[in-house]
PDB file of N, CA and C in Angstrom:
ATOM      1  N   MET A   1       7.192  31.453  -9.149  1.00  0.00           N
ATOM      2  CA  MET A   1       6.616  31.717  -7.857  1.00  0.00           C
ATOM      3  C   MET A   1       5.126  31.955  -8.055  1.00  0.00           C
ATOM      4  N   GLY A   2       4.322  31.345  -7.195  1.00  0.00           N
ATOM      5  CA  GLY A   2       2.881  31.444  -7.288  1.00  0.00           C
ATOM      6  C   GLY A   2       2.351  32.695  -6.634  1.00  0.00           C
ATOM      7  N   LEU A   3       1.063  32.823  -6.611  1.00  0.00           N
ATOM      8  CA  LEU A   3       0.377  33.970  -6.042  1.00  0.00           C
ATOM      9  C   LEU A   3       0.695  34.140  -4.556  1.00  0.00           C
ATOM     10  N   PHE A   4       0.831  33.043  -3.840  1.00  0.00           N
ATOM     11  CA  PHE A   4       1.065  33.104  -2.402  1.00  0.00           C
ATOM     12  C   PHE A   4       2.486  32.709  -2.033  1.00  0.00           C
ATOM     13  N   GLY A   5       3.423  32.916  -2.897  1.00  0.00           N
ATOM     14  CA  GLY A   5       4.808  32.563  -2.607  1.00  0.00           C
ATOM     15  C   GLY A   5       5.175  31.227  -3.220  1.00  0.00           C
ATOM     16  N   ARG A   6       6.247  30.663  -2.733  1.00  0.00           N
ATOM     17  CA  ARG A   6       6.719  29.380  -3.260  1.00  0.00           C
ATOM     18  C   ARG A   6       5.814  28.250  -2.847  1.00  0.00           C
ATOM     19  N   LYS A   7       5.692  27.318  -3.761  1.00  0.00           N
ATOM     20  CA  LYS A   7       4.926  26.117  -3.450  1.00  0.00           C
ATOM     21  C   LYS A   7       5.777  25.204  -2.600  1.00  0.00           C
ATOM     22  N   LYS A   8       5.172  24.653  -1.560  1.00  0.00           N
ATOM     23  CA  LYS A   8       5.888  23.695  -0.737  1.00  0.00           C
ATOM     24  C   LYS A   8       5.995  22.385  -1.487  1.00  0.00           C
ATOM     25  N   LYS A   9       7.171  21.824  -1.465  1.00  0.00           N
ATOM     26  CA  LYS A   9       7.357  20.523  -2.098  1.00  0.00           C
ATOM     27  C   LYS A   9       6.916  19.462  -1.092  1.00  0.00           C
ATOM     28  N   VAL A  10       5.986  18.618  -1.499  1.00  0.00           N
ATOM     29  CA  VAL A  10       5.506  17.563  -0.633  1.00  0.00           C
ATOM     30  C   VAL A  10       6.544  16.459  -0.628  1.00  0.00           C
ATOM     31  N   GLU A  11       6.988  16.103   0.555  1.00  0.00           N
ATOM     32  CA  GLU A  11       8.023  15.097   0.694  1.00  0.00           C
ATOM     33  C   GLU A  11       7.457  13.707   0.428  1.00  0.00           C
ATOM     34  N   ASP A  12       8.187  12.899  -0.326  1.00  0.00           N
ATOM     35  CA  ASP A  12       7.775  11.525  -0.589  1.00  0.00           C
ATOM     36  C   ASP A  12       8.250  10.667   0.571  1.00  0.00           C
ATOM     37  N   ASP A  13       7.326  10.364   1.467  1.00  0.00           N
ATOM     38  CA  ASP A  13       7.672   9.592   2.652  1.00  0.00           C
ATOM     39  C   ASP A  13       7.055   8.196   2.617  1.00  0.00           C
ATOM     40  N   SER A  14       6.785   7.701   1.426  1.00  0.00           N
ATOM     41  CA  SER A  14       6.138   6.401   1.285  1.00  0.00           C
ATOM     42  C   SER A  14       7.065   5.249   1.637  1.00  0.00           C
ATOM     43  N   ASN A  15       8.381   5.487   1.660  1.00  0.00           N
ATOM     44  CA  ASN A  15       9.325   4.410   1.939  1.00  0.00           C
ATOM     45  C   ASN A  15       9.727   4.313   3.404  1.00  0.00           C
ATOM     46  N   ILE A  16       9.169   5.169   4.264  1.00  0.00           N
ATOM     47  CA  ILE A  16       9.479   5.054   5.683  1.00  0.00           C
ATOM     48  C   ILE A  16       8.527   4.047   6.315  1.00  0.00           C
ATOM     49  N   GLU A  17       8.846   3.625   7.521  1.00  0.00           N
ATOM     50  CA  GLU A  17       7.985   2.662   8.210  1.00  0.00           C
ATOM     51  C   GLU A  17       6.831   3.405   8.877  1.00  0.00           C
ATOM     52  N   TRP A  18       5.652   2.777   8.837  1.00  0.00           N
ATOM     53  CA  TRP A  18       4.430   3.382   9.357  1.00  0.00           C
ATOM     54  C   TRP A  18       3.766   2.442  10.349  1.00  0.00           C
ATOM     55  N   THR A  19       3.163   3.010  11.372  1.00  0.00           N
ATOM     56  CA  THR A  19       2.275   2.213  12.212  1.00  0.00           C
ATOM     57  C   THR A  19       0.900   2.244  11.565  1.00  0.00           C
ATOM     58  N   SER A  20       0.062   1.335  11.967  1.00  0.00           N
ATOM     59  CA  SER A  20      -1.297   1.293  11.439  1.00  0.00           C
ATOM     60  C   SER A  20      -2.004   2.631  11.696  1.00  0.00           C
ATOM     61  N   PHE A  21      -1.835   3.161  12.897  1.00  0.00           N
ATOM     62  CA  PHE A  21      -2.473   4.429  13.261  1.00  0.00           C
ATOM     63  C   PHE A  21      -1.976   5.570  12.375  1.00  0.00           C
ATOM     64  N   GLU A  22      -0.668   5.615  12.113  1.00  0.00           N
ATOM     65  CA  GLU A  22      -0.104   6.684  11.272  1.00  0.00           C
ATOM     66  C   GLU A  22      -0.620   6.577   9.841  1.00  0.00           C
ATOM     67  N   LEU A  23      -0.748   5.358   9.344  1.00  0.00           N
ATOM     68  CA  LEU A  23      -1.265   5.167   7.990  1.00  0.00           C
ATOM     69  C   LEU A  23      -2.710   5.656   7.902  1.00  0.00           C
ATOM     70  N   VAL A  24      -3.507   5.345   8.912  1.00  0.00           N
ATOM     71  CA  VAL A  24      -4.899   5.818   8.940  1.00  0.00           C
ATOM     72  C   VAL A  24      -4.928   7.343   8.980  1.00  0.00           C
ATOM     73  N   GLN A  25      -4.082   7.939   9.819  1.00  0.00           N
ATOM     74  CA  GLN A  25      -4.030   9.396   9.906  1.00  0.00           C
ATOM     75  C   GLN A  25      -3.671  10.016   8.553  1.00  0.00           C
ATOM     76  N   HIS A  26      -2.735   9.388   7.840  1.00  0.00           N
ATOM     77  CA  HIS A  26      -2.337   9.885   6.524  1.00  0.00           C
ATOM     78  C   HIS A  26      -3.511   9.787   5.542  1.00  0.00           C
ATOM     79  N   LEU A  27      -4.222   8.660   5.569  1.00  0.00           N
ATOM     80  CA  LEU A  27      -5.364   8.492   4.665  1.00  0.00           C
ATOM     81  C   LEU A  27      -6.471   9.501   4.964  1.00  0.00           C
ATOM     82  N   ILE A  28      -6.646   9.820   6.224  1.00  0.00           N
ATOM     83  CA  ILE A  28      -7.662  10.807   6.596  1.00  0.00           C
ATOM     84  C   ILE A  28      -7.229  12.195   6.127  1.00  0.00           C
ATOM     85  N   LYS A  29      -5.954  12.494   6.298  1.00  0.00           N
ATOM     86  CA  LYS A  29      -5.442  13.808   5.911  1.00  0.00           C
ATOM     87  C   LYS A  29      -5.352  13.961   4.396  1.00  0.00           C
ATOM     88  N   TYR A  30      -5.003  12.862   3.698  1.00  0.00           N
ATOM     89  CA  TYR A  30      -4.839  12.888   2.244  1.00  0.00           C
ATOM     90  C   TYR A  30      -5.697  11.787   1.604  1.00  0.00           C
ATOM     91  N   PRO A  31      -7.008  11.967   1.571  1.00  0.00           N
ATOM     92  CA  PRO A  31      -7.895  10.907   1.063  1.00  0.00           C
ATOM     93  C   PRO A  31      -7.721  10.600  -0.424  1.00  0.00           C
ATOM     94  N   ASP A  32      -7.142  11.518  -1.182  1.00  0.00           N
ATOM     95  CA  ASP A  32      -6.967  11.300  -2.618  1.00  0.00           C
ATOM     96  C   ASP A  32      -5.567  10.777  -2.968  1.00  0.00           C
ATOM     97  N   GLU A  33      -4.829  10.338  -1.957  1.00  0.00           N
ATOM     98  CA  GLU A  33      -3.487   9.793  -2.187  1.00  0.00           C
ATOM     99  C   GLU A  33      -3.588   8.607  -3.144  1.00  0.00           C
ATOM    100  N   SER A  34      -2.637   8.466  -4.027  1.00  0.00           N
ATOM    101  CA  SER A  34      -2.681   7.396  -5.028  1.00  0.00           C
ATOM    102  C   SER A  34      -2.578   6.026  -4.362  1.00  0.00           C
ATOM    103  N   ASP A  35      -3.254   5.042  -4.968  1.00  0.00           N
ATOM    104  CA  ASP A  35      -3.195   3.681  -4.446  1.00  0.00           C
ATOM    105  C   ASP A  35      -1.771   3.165  -4.442  1.00  0.00           C
ATOM    106  N   GLU A  36      -1.005   3.527  -5.462  1.00  0.00           N
ATOM    107  CA  GLU A  36       0.384   3.064  -5.563  1.00  0.00           C
ATOM    108  C   GLU A  36       1.194   3.500  -4.343  1.00  0.00           C
ATOM    109  N   LYS A  37       1.048   4.762  -3.959  1.00  0.00           N
ATOM    110  CA  LYS A  37       1.790   5.268  -2.803  1.00  0.00           C
ATOM    111  C   LYS A  37       1.276   4.628  -1.514  1.00  0.00           C
ATOM    112  N   ILE A  38      -0.028   4.474  -1.396  1.00  0.00           N
ATOM    113  CA  ILE A  38      -0.602   3.868  -0.189  1.00  0.00           C
ATOM    114  C   ILE A  38      -0.136   2.421  -0.063  1.00  0.00           C
ATOM    115  N   ILE A  39      -0.041   1.700  -1.168  1.00  0.00           N
ATOM    116  CA  ILE A  39       0.432   0.311  -1.132  1.00  0.00           C
ATOM    117  C   ILE A  39       1.889   0.273  -0.665  1.00  0.00           C
ATOM    118  N   MET A  40       2.695   1.205  -1.155  1.00  0.00           N
ATOM    119  CA  MET A  40       4.090   1.269  -0.705  1.00  0.00           C
ATOM    120  C   MET A  40       4.147   1.519   0.795  1.00  0.00           C
ATOM    121  N   MET A  41       3.285   2.405   1.277  1.00  0.00           N
ATOM    122  CA  MET A  41       3.240   2.695   2.704  1.00  0.00           C
ATOM    123  C   MET A  41       2.756   1.464   3.473  1.00  0.00           C
ATOM    124  N   TYR A  42       1.743   0.800   2.955  1.00  0.00           N
ATOM    125  CA  TYR A  42       1.192  -0.393   3.611  1.00  0.00           C
ATOM    126  C   TYR A  42       2.244  -1.497   3.679  1.00  0.00           C
ATOM    127  N   ASP A  43       3.032  -1.639   2.627  1.00  0.00           N
ATOM    128  CA  ASP A  43       4.083  -2.651   2.607  1.00  0.00           C
ATOM    129  C   ASP A  43       5.150  -2.375   3.668  1.00  0.00           C
ATOM    130  N   ASN A  44       5.263  -1.124   4.124  1.00  0.00           N
ATOM    131  CA  ASN A  44       6.226  -0.748   5.171  1.00  0.00           C
ATOM    132  C   ASN A  44       5.563  -0.640   6.544  1.00  0.00           C
ATOM    133  N   LEU A  45       4.417  -1.299   6.706  1.00  0.00           N
ATOM    134  CA  LEU A  45       3.662  -1.232   7.956  1.00  0.00           C
ATOM    135  C   LEU A  45       4.422  -1.917   9.077  1.00  0.00           C
ATOM    136  N   LEU A  46       4.576  -1.220  10.187  1.00  0.00           N
ATOM    137  CA  LEU A  46       5.200  -1.786  11.384  1.00  0.00           C
ATOM    138  C   LEU A  46       4.120  -2.422  12.257  1.00  0.00           C
ATOM    139  N   GLY A  47       4.410  -3.537  12.799  1.00  0.00           N
ATOM    140  CA  GLY A  47       3.463  -4.157  13.723  1.00  0.00           C
ATOM    141  C   GLY A  47       2.251  -4.722  13.000  1.00  0.00           C
ATOM    142  N   GLU A  48       1.155  -4.802  13.736  1.00  0.00           N
ATOM    143  CA  GLU A  48      -0.051  -5.429  13.217  1.00  0.00           C
ATOM    144  C   GLU A  48      -0.864  -4.477  12.344  1.00  0.00           C
ATOM    145  N   ASP A  49      -1.625  -5.073  11.451  1.00  0.00           N
ATOM    146  CA  ASP A  49      -2.546  -4.342  10.581  1.00  0.00           C
ATOM    147  C   ASP A  49      -3.841  -4.134  11.357  1.00  0.00           C
ATOM    148  N   ASN A  50      -3.982  -2.945  11.949  1.00  0.00           N
ATOM    149  CA  ASN A  50      -5.172  -2.589  12.719  1.00  0.00           C
ATOM    150  C   ASN A  50      -5.898  -1.421  12.073  1.00  0.00           C
ATOM    151  N   LEU A  51      -5.892  -1.380  10.750  1.00  0.00           N
ATOM    152  CA  LEU A  51      -6.421  -0.210  10.048  1.00  0.00           C
ATOM    153  C   LEU A  51      -7.870   0.087  10.429  1.00  0.00           C
ATOM    154  N   GLU A  52      -8.716  -0.938  10.390  1.00  0.00           N
ATOM    155  CA  GLU A  52     -10.127  -0.703  10.698  1.00  0.00           C
ATOM    156  C   GLU A  52     -10.307  -0.209  12.136  1.00  0.00           C
ATOM    157  N   LYS A  53      -9.616  -0.840  13.072  1.00  0.00           N
ATOM    158  CA  LYS A  53      -9.747  -0.457  14.481  1.00  0.00           C
ATOM    159  C   LYS A  53      -9.244   0.972  14.689  1.00  0.00           C
ATOM    160  N   ASP A  54      -8.084   1.297  14.123  1.00  0.00           N
ATOM    161  CA  ASP A  54      -7.531   2.637  14.284  1.00  0.00           C
ATOM    162  C   ASP A  54      -8.417   3.691  13.645  1.00  0.00           C
ATOM    163  N   MET A  55      -8.967   3.375  12.471  1.00  0.00           N
ATOM    164  CA  MET A  55      -9.870   4.310  11.809  1.00  0.00           C
ATOM    165  C   MET A  55     -11.136   4.511  12.647  1.00  0.00           C
ATOM    166  N   GLU A  56     -11.671   3.410  13.139  1.00  0.00           N
ATOM    167  CA  GLU A  56     -12.901   3.495  13.932  1.00  0.00           C
ATOM    168  C   GLU A  56     -12.666   4.282  15.219  1.00  0.00           C
ATOM    169  N   ASP A  57     -11.533   4.053  15.881  1.00  0.00           N
ATOM    170  CA  ASP A  57     -11.200   4.801  17.100  1.00  0.00           C
ATOM    171  C   ASP A  57     -11.120   6.298  16.817  1.00  0.00           C
ATOM    172  N   TYR A  58     -10.484   6.642  15.701  1.00  0.00           N
ATOM    173  CA  TYR A  58     -10.350   8.053  15.334  1.00  0.00           C
ATOM    174  C   TYR A  58     -11.716   8.691  15.128  1.00  0.00           C
ATOM    175  N   TRP A  59     -12.564   8.035  14.317  1.00  0.00           N
ATOM    176  CA  TRP A  59     -13.857   8.632  14.012  1.00  0.00           C
ATOM    177  C   TRP A  59     -14.814   8.591  15.200  1.00  0.00           C
ATOM    178  N   LYS A  60     -14.671   7.617  16.071  1.00  0.00           N
ATOM    179  CA  LYS A  60     -15.497   7.591  17.292  1.00  0.00           C
ATOM    180  C   LYS A  60     -15.173   8.791  18.165  1.00  0.00           C
ATOM    181  N   GLN A  61     -13.888   9.151  18.208  1.00  0.00           N
ATOM    182  CA  GLN A  61     -13.502  10.336  18.967  1.00  0.00           C
ATOM    183  C   GLN A  61     -14.123  11.585  18.346  1.00  0.00           C
ATOM    184  N   ILE A  62     -14.089  11.680  17.028  1.00  0.00           N
ATOM    185  CA  ILE A  62     -14.701  12.816  16.338  1.00  0.00           C
ATOM    186  C   ILE A  62     -16.208  12.825  16.603  1.00  0.00           C
ATOM    187  N   LEU A  63     -16.816  11.639  16.565  1.00  0.00           N
ATOM    188  CA  LEU A  63     -18.252  11.509  16.822  1.00  0.00           C
ATOM    189  C   LEU A  63     -18.568  11.944  18.253  1.00  0.00           C
ATOM    190  N   ALA A  64     -17.746  11.526  19.207  1.00  0.00           N
ATOM    191  CA  ALA A  64     -17.953  11.896  20.611  1.00  0.00           C
ATOM    192  C   ALA A  64     -17.834  13.402  20.804  1.00  0.00           C
ATOM    193  N   ASP A  65     -16.971  14.023  20.009  1.00  0.00           N
ATOM    194  CA  ASP A  65     -16.814  15.479  20.092  1.00  0.00           C
ATOM    195  C   ASP A  65     -17.909  16.215  19.328  1.00  0.00           C
ATOM    196  N   SER A  66     -18.854  15.464  18.758  1.00  0.00           N
ATOM    197  CA  SER A  66     -20.014  15.996  18.035  1.00  0.00           C
ATOM    198  C   SER A  66     -19.645  16.753  16.760  1.00  0.00           C
ATOM    199  N   PHE A  67     -18.527  16.389  16.141  1.00  0.00           N
ATOM    200  CA  PHE A  67     -18.157  17.027  14.884  1.00  0.00           C
ATOM    201  C   PHE A  67     -18.861  16.379  13.697  1.00  0.00           C
ATOM    202  N   ILE A  68     -19.272  15.127  13.842  1.00  0.00           N
ATOM    203  CA  ILE A  68     -19.995  14.434  12.779  1.00  0.00           C
ATOM    204  C   ILE A  68     -21.182  13.694  13.387  1.00  0.00           C
ATOM    205  N   SER A  69     -22.143  13.363  12.531  1.00  0.00           N
ATOM    206  CA  SER A  69     -23.315  12.623  12.991  1.00  0.00           C
ATOM    207  C   SER A  69     -23.057  11.125  12.886  1.00  0.00           C
ATOM    208  N   GLN A  70     -23.929  10.340  13.491  1.00  0.00           N
ATOM    209  CA  GLN A  70     -23.819   8.878  13.440  1.00  0.00           C
ATOM    210  C   GLN A  70     -23.910   8.390  11.993  1.00  0.00           C
ATOM    211  N   GLU A  71     -24.782   9.010  11.199  1.00  0.00           N
ATOM    212  CA  GLU A  71     -24.926   8.618   9.790  1.00  0.00           C
ATOM    213  C   GLU A  71     -23.652   8.910   8.999  1.00  0.00           C
ATOM    214  N   GLU A  72     -23.067  10.071   9.242  1.00  0.00           N
ATOM    215  CA  GLU A  72     -21.813  10.399   8.571  1.00  0.00           C
ATOM    216  C   GLU A  72     -20.728   9.399   8.966  1.00  0.00           C
ATOM    217  N   PHE A  73     -20.721   9.025  10.243  1.00  0.00           N
ATOM    218  CA  PHE A  73     -19.747   8.050  10.729  1.00  0.00           C
ATOM    219  C   PHE A  73     -19.892   6.720   9.998  1.00  0.00           C
ATOM    220  N   LYS A  74     -21.111   6.245   9.827  1.00  0.00           N
ATOM    221  CA  LYS A  74     -21.342   4.973   9.121  1.00  0.00           C
ATOM    222  C   LYS A  74     -20.845   5.050   7.676  1.00  0.00           C
ATOM    223  N   LYS A  75     -21.117   6.167   7.019  1.00  0.00           N
ATOM    224  CA  LYS A  75     -20.686   6.346   5.629  1.00  0.00           C
ATOM    225  C   LYS A  75     -19.156   6.367   5.534  1.00  0.00           C
ATOM    226  N   ILE A  76     -18.526   7.115   6.418  1.00  0.00           N
ATOM    227  CA  ILE A  76     -17.060   7.208   6.433  1.00  0.00           C
ATOM    228  C   ILE A  76     -16.447   5.843   6.709  1.00  0.00           C
ATOM    229  N   LYS A  77     -17.003   5.140   7.678  1.00  0.00           N
ATOM    230  CA  LYS A  77     -16.486   3.817   8.042  1.00  0.00           C
ATOM    231  C   LYS A  77     -16.553   2.862   6.849  1.00  0.00           C
ATOM    232  N   LYS A  78     -17.663   2.882   6.133  1.00  0.00           N
ATOM    233  CA  LYS A  78     -17.832   2.009   4.974  1.00  0.00           C
ATOM    234  C   LYS A  78     -16.804   2.347   3.889  1.00  0.00           C
ATOM    235  N   GLU A  79     -16.622   3.634   3.607  1.00  0.00           N
ATOM    236  CA  GLU A  79     -15.676   4.063   2.574  1.00  0.00           C
ATOM    237  C   GLU A  79     -14.238   3.668   2.933  1.00  0.00           C
ATOM    238  N   PHE A  80     -13.856   3.882   4.183  1.00  0.00           N
ATOM    239  CA  PHE A  80     -12.499   3.526   4.591  1.00  0.00           C
ATOM    240  C   PHE A  80     -12.300   2.017   4.570  1.00  0.00           C
ATOM    241  N   ASN A  81     -13.273   1.247   5.011  1.00  0.00           N
ATOM    242  CA  ASN A  81     -13.137  -0.208   4.990  1.00  0.00           C
ATOM    243  C   ASN A  81     -12.983  -0.728   3.566  1.00  0.00           C
ATOM    244  N   GLN A  82     -13.691  -0.129   2.621  1.00  0.00           N
ATOM    245  CA  GLN A  82     -13.533  -0.510   1.214  1.00  0.00           C
ATOM    246  C   GLN A  82     -12.126  -0.180   0.725  1.00  0.00           C
ATOM    247  N   ARG A  83     -11.612   0.972   1.133  1.00  0.00           N
ATOM    248  CA  ARG A  83     -10.257   1.369   0.719  1.00  0.00           C
ATOM    249  C   ARG A  83      -9.224   0.421   1.317  1.00  0.00           C
ATOM    250  N   PHE A  84      -9.389   0.047   2.596  1.00  0.00           N
ATOM    251  CA  PHE A  84      -8.447  -0.878   3.235  1.00  0.00           C
ATOM    252  C   PHE A  84      -8.450  -2.224   2.520  1.00  0.00           C
ATOM    253  N   LYS A  85      -9.631  -2.692   2.165  1.00  0.00           N
ATOM    254  CA  LYS A  85      -9.747  -3.970   1.462  1.00  0.00           C
ATOM    255  C   LYS A  85      -9.027  -3.896   0.111  1.00  0.00           C
ATOM    256  N   LYS A  86      -9.215  -2.790  -0.590  1.00  0.00           N
ATOM    257  CA  LYS A  86      -8.570  -2.599  -1.895  1.00  0.00           C
ATOM    258  C   LYS A  86      -7.050  -2.554  -1.738  1.00  0.00           C
ATOM    259  N   ILE A  87      -6.567  -1.847  -0.722  1.00  0.00           N
ATOM    260  CA  ILE A  87      -5.126  -1.739  -0.484  1.00  0.00           C
ATOM    261  C   ILE A  87      -4.529  -3.116  -0.227  1.00  0.00           C
ATOM    262  N   ARG A  88      -5.188  -3.905   0.615  1.00  0.00           N
ATOM    263  CA  ARG A  88      -4.682  -5.247   0.926  1.00  0.00           C
ATOM    264  C   ARG A  88      -4.677  -6.131  -0.313  1.00  0.00           C
ATOM    265  N   LYS A  89      -5.744  -6.047  -1.093  1.00  0.00           N
ATOM    266  CA  LYS A  89      -5.839  -6.871  -2.306  1.00  0.00           C
ATOM    267  C   LYS A  89      -4.756  -6.479  -3.313  1.00  0.00           C
ATOM    268  N   LEU A  90      -4.547  -5.179  -3.532  1.00  0.00           N
ATOM    269  CA  LEU A  90      -3.527  -4.719  -4.462  1.00  0.00           C
ATOM    270  C   LEU A  90      -2.119  -5.057  -3.963  1.00  0.00           C
ATOM    271  N   SER A  91      -1.911  -4.958  -2.657  1.00  0.00           N
ATOM    272  CA  SER A  91      -0.612  -5.306  -2.089  1.00  0.00           C
ATOM    273  C   SER A  91      -0.323  -6.791  -2.280  1.00  0.00           C
ATOM    274  N   GLN A  92      -1.322  -7.632  -2.053  1.00  0.00           N
ATOM    275  CA  GLN A  92      -1.159  -9.073  -2.247  1.00  0.00           C
ATOM    276  C   GLN A  92      -0.889  -9.390  -3.717  1.00  0.00           C
ATOM    277  N   ALA A  93      -1.608  -8.725  -4.613  1.00  0.00           N
ATOM    278  CA  ALA A  93      -1.405  -8.945  -6.047  1.00  0.00           C
ATOM    279  C   ALA A  93       0.013  -8.536  -6.448  1.00  0.00           C
ATOM    280  N   LYS A  94       0.498  -7.439  -5.881  1.00  0.00           N
ATOM    281  CA  LYS A  94       1.863  -6.980  -6.172  1.00  0.00           C
ATOM    282  C   LYS A  94       2.879  -8.021  -5.709  1.00  0.00           C
ATOM    283  N   LYS A  95       2.683  -8.572  -4.517  1.00  0.00           N
ATOM    284  CA  LYS A  95       3.594  -9.596  -4.004  1.00  0.00           C
ATOM    285  C   LYS A  95       3.555 -10.840  -4.884  1.00  0.00           C
ATOM    286  N   GLU A  96       2.360 -11.255  -5.292  1.00  0.00           N
ATOM    287  CA  GLU A  96       2.227 -12.433  -6.153  1.00  0.00           C
ATOM    288  C   GLU A  96       2.898 -12.187  -7.507  1.00  0.00           C
ATOM    289  N   ARG A  97       2.719 -10.980  -8.045  1.00  0.00           N
ATOM    290  CA  ARG A  97       3.342 -10.634  -9.321  1.00  0.00           C
ATOM    291  C   ARG A  97       4.860 -10.690  -9.202  1.00  0.00           C
ATOM    292  N   ASP A  98       5.383 -10.143  -8.104  1.00  0.00           N
ATOM    293  CA  ASP A  98       6.827 -10.163  -7.888  1.00  0.00           C
ATOM    294  C   ASP A  98       7.343 -11.601  -7.765  1.00  0.00           C
ATOM    295  N   ASP A  99       6.576 -12.460  -7.091  1.00  0.00           N
ATOM    296  CA  ASP A  99       6.964 -13.872  -6.965  1.00  0.00           C
ATOM    297  C   ASP A  99       6.979 -14.555  -8.328  1.00  0.00           C
ATOM    298  N   ILE A 100       6.000 -14.258  -9.161  1.00  0.00           N
ATOM    299  CA  ILE A 100       5.932 -14.856 -10.500  1.00  0.00           C
ATOM    300  C   ILE A 100       7.118 -14.392 -11.344  1.00  0.00           C
ATOM    301  N   VAL A 101       7.447 -13.112 -11.255  1.00  0.00           N
ATOM    302  CA  VAL A 101       8.580 -12.581 -12.012  1.00  0.00           C
ATOM    303  C   VAL A 101       9.869 -13.267 -11.560  1.00  0.00           C
ATOM    304  N   LYS A 102      10.051 -13.398 -10.245  1.00  0.00           N
ATOM    305  CA  LYS A 102      11.252 -14.077  -9.735  1.00  0.00           C
ATOM    306  C   LYS A 102      11.296 -15.519 -10.230  1.00  0.00           C
ATOM    307  N   TRP A 103      10.162 -16.203 -10.193  1.00  0.00           N
ATOM    308  CA  TRP A 103      10.103 -17.595 -10.665  1.00  0.00           C
ATOM    309  C   TRP A 103      10.445 -17.664 -12.152  1.00  0.00           C
ATOM    310  N   ALA A 104       9.867 -16.748 -12.943  1.00  0.00           N
ATOM    311  CA  ALA A 104      10.105 -16.764 -14.395  1.00  0.00           C
ATOM    312  C   ALA A 104      11.576 -16.519 -14.709  1.00  0.00           C
ATOM    313  N   ILE A 105      12.186 -15.600 -13.994  1.00  0.00           N
ATOM    314  CA  ILE A 105      13.607 -15.311 -14.221  1.00  0.00           C
ATOM    315  C   ILE A 105      14.446 -16.525 -13.851  1.00  0.00           C
ATOM    316  N   THR A 106      14.156 -17.121 -12.726  1.00  0.00           N
ATOM    317  CA  THR A 106      14.883 -18.316 -12.293  1.00  0.00           C
ATOM    318  C   THR A 106      14.687 -19.448 -13.276  1.00  0.00           C
ATOM    319  N   LYS A 107      13.459 -19.655 -13.709  1.00  0.00           N
ATOM    320  CA  LYS A 107      13.138 -20.732 -14.651  1.00  0.00           C
ATOM    321  C   LYS A 107      13.872 -20.505 -15.975  1.00  0.00           C
ATOM    322  N   THR A 108      13.884 -19.273 -16.459  1.00  0.00           N
ATOM    323  CA  THR A 108      14.561 -18.942 -17.710  1.00  0.00           C
ATOM    324  C   THR A 108      16.058 -19.197 -17.578  1.00  0.00           C
ATOM    325  N   ASP A 109      16.642 -18.798 -16.451  1.00  0.00           N
ATOM    326  CA  ASP A 109      18.064 -19.040 -16.208  1.00  0.00           C
ATOM    327  C   ASP A 109      18.361 -20.534 -16.192  1.00  0.00           C
ATOM    328  N   ASP A 110      17.488 -21.318 -15.543  1.00  0.00           N
ATOM    329  CA  ASP A 110      17.662 -22.767 -15.488  1.00  0.00           C
ATOM    330  C   ASP A 110      17.599 -23.378 -16.884  1.00  0.00           C
ATOM    331  N   GLU A 111      16.644 -22.927 -17.686  1.00  0.00           N
ATOM    332  CA  GLU A 111      16.503 -23.449 -19.050  1.00  0.00           C
ATOM    333  C   GLU A 111      17.701 -23.069 -19.915  1.00  0.00           C
ATOM    334  N   ASP A 112      18.210 -21.840 -19.743  1.00  0.00           N
ATOM    335  CA  ASP A 112      19.385 -21.408 -20.498  1.00  0.00           C
ATOM    336  C   ASP A 112      20.578 -22.282 -20.151  1.00  0.00           C
ATOM    337  N   ASN A 113      20.762 -22.548 -18.860  1.00  0.00           N
ATOM    338  CA  ASN A 113      21.874 -23.403 -18.437  1.00  0.00           C
ATOM    339  C   ASN A 113      21.695 -24.812 -18.972  1.00  0.00           C
ATOM    340  N   PHE A 114      20.472 -25.316 -18.959  1.00  0.00           N
ATOM    341  CA  PHE A 114      20.204 -26.653 -19.484  1.00  0.00           C
ATOM    342  C   PHE A 114      20.507 -26.711 -20.978  1.00  0.00           C
ATOM    343  N   ASN A 115      20.055 -25.694 -21.710  1.00  0.00           N
ATOM    344  CA  ASN A 115      20.298 -25.655 -23.156  1.00  0.00           C
ATOM    345  C   ASN A 115      21.790 -25.563 -23.461  1.00  0.00           C
ATOM    346  N   LYS A 116      22.548 -24.809 -22.683  1.00  0.00           N
ATOM    347  CA  LYS A 116      23.992 -24.713 -22.887  1.00  0.00           C
ATOM    348  C   LYS A 116      24.643 -26.074 -22.655  1.00  0.00           C
ATOM    349  N   ASP A 117      24.230 -26.748 -21.572  1.00  0.00           N
ATOM    350  CA  ASP A 117      24.778 -28.068 -21.273  1.00  0.00           C
ATOM    351  C   ASP A 117      24.424 -29.062 -22.378  1.00  0.00           C
ATOM    352  N   THR A 118      23.190 -29.014 -22.850  1.00  0.00           N
ATOM    353  CA  THR A 118      22.737 -29.922 -23.893  1.00  0.00           C
ATOM    354  C   THR A 118      23.472 -29.655 -25.197  1.00  0.00           C
ATOM    355  N   ASP A 119      23.642 -28.362 -25.547  1.00  0.00           N
ATOM    356  CA  ASP A 119      24.360 -28.009 -26.767  1.00  0.00           C
ATOM    357  C   ASP A 119      25.797 -28.518 -26.708  1.00  0.00           C
ATOM    358  N   GLU A 120      26.443 -28.394 -25.570  1.00  0.00           N
ATOM    359  CA  GLU A 120      27.820 -28.849 -25.407  1.00  0.00           C
ATOM    360  C   GLU A 120      27.928 -30.369 -25.585  1.00  0.00           C
ATOM    361  N   SER A 121      26.941 -31.098 -25.032  1.00  0.00           N
ATOM    362  CA  SER A 121      26.988 -32.570 -25.134  1.00  0.00           C
ATOM    363  C   SER A 121      26.761 -33.029 -26.566  1.00  0.00           C
ATOM    364  N   TYR A 122      25.961 -32.297 -27.328  1.00  0.00           N
ATOM    365  CA  TYR A 122      25.740 -32.663 -28.744  1.00  0.00           C
ATOM    366  C   TYR A 122      26.995 -32.400 -29.570  1.00  0.00           C
ATOM    367  N   LYS A 123      27.757 -31.364 -29.202  1.00  0.00           N
ATOM    368  CA  LYS A 123      28.967 -31.033 -29.943  1.00  0.00           C
ATOM    369  C   LYS A 123      30.026 -32.111 -29.744  1.00  0.00           C
ATOM    370  N   ASN A 124      30.047 -32.700 -28.577  1.00  0.00           N
ATOM    371  CA  ASN A 124      31.081 -33.706 -28.251  1.00  0.00           C
ATOM    372  C   ASN A 124      30.718 -34.989 -28.858  1.00  0.00           C
TER     373      ASN A 124
END
């Protein structure tokens, strides 16, 4: 037990479905979330990918409420857009890697079957 009682266990909710707005809210609340978890969340995105629009809408509201300056808004927008680009690129790379693995497994199975058939014909 810690100084302030029990530590809350953070629930792993990366496998649930997310809207673009919810994903942006999560990134704002947890900016240091691992890319791996964010990619899993992005892969479970419901509907359209509106990350930039949802992020901009959120920060425009904060800007309108005068909690941040225009300069801070520009900096935040740039950082989030870079993160979104990275997430999309890593997600695409993951999908391509998975496709290559599936192809390699299928190809290996095909070659094994071919070699078995060829070995049998040589024996006869």
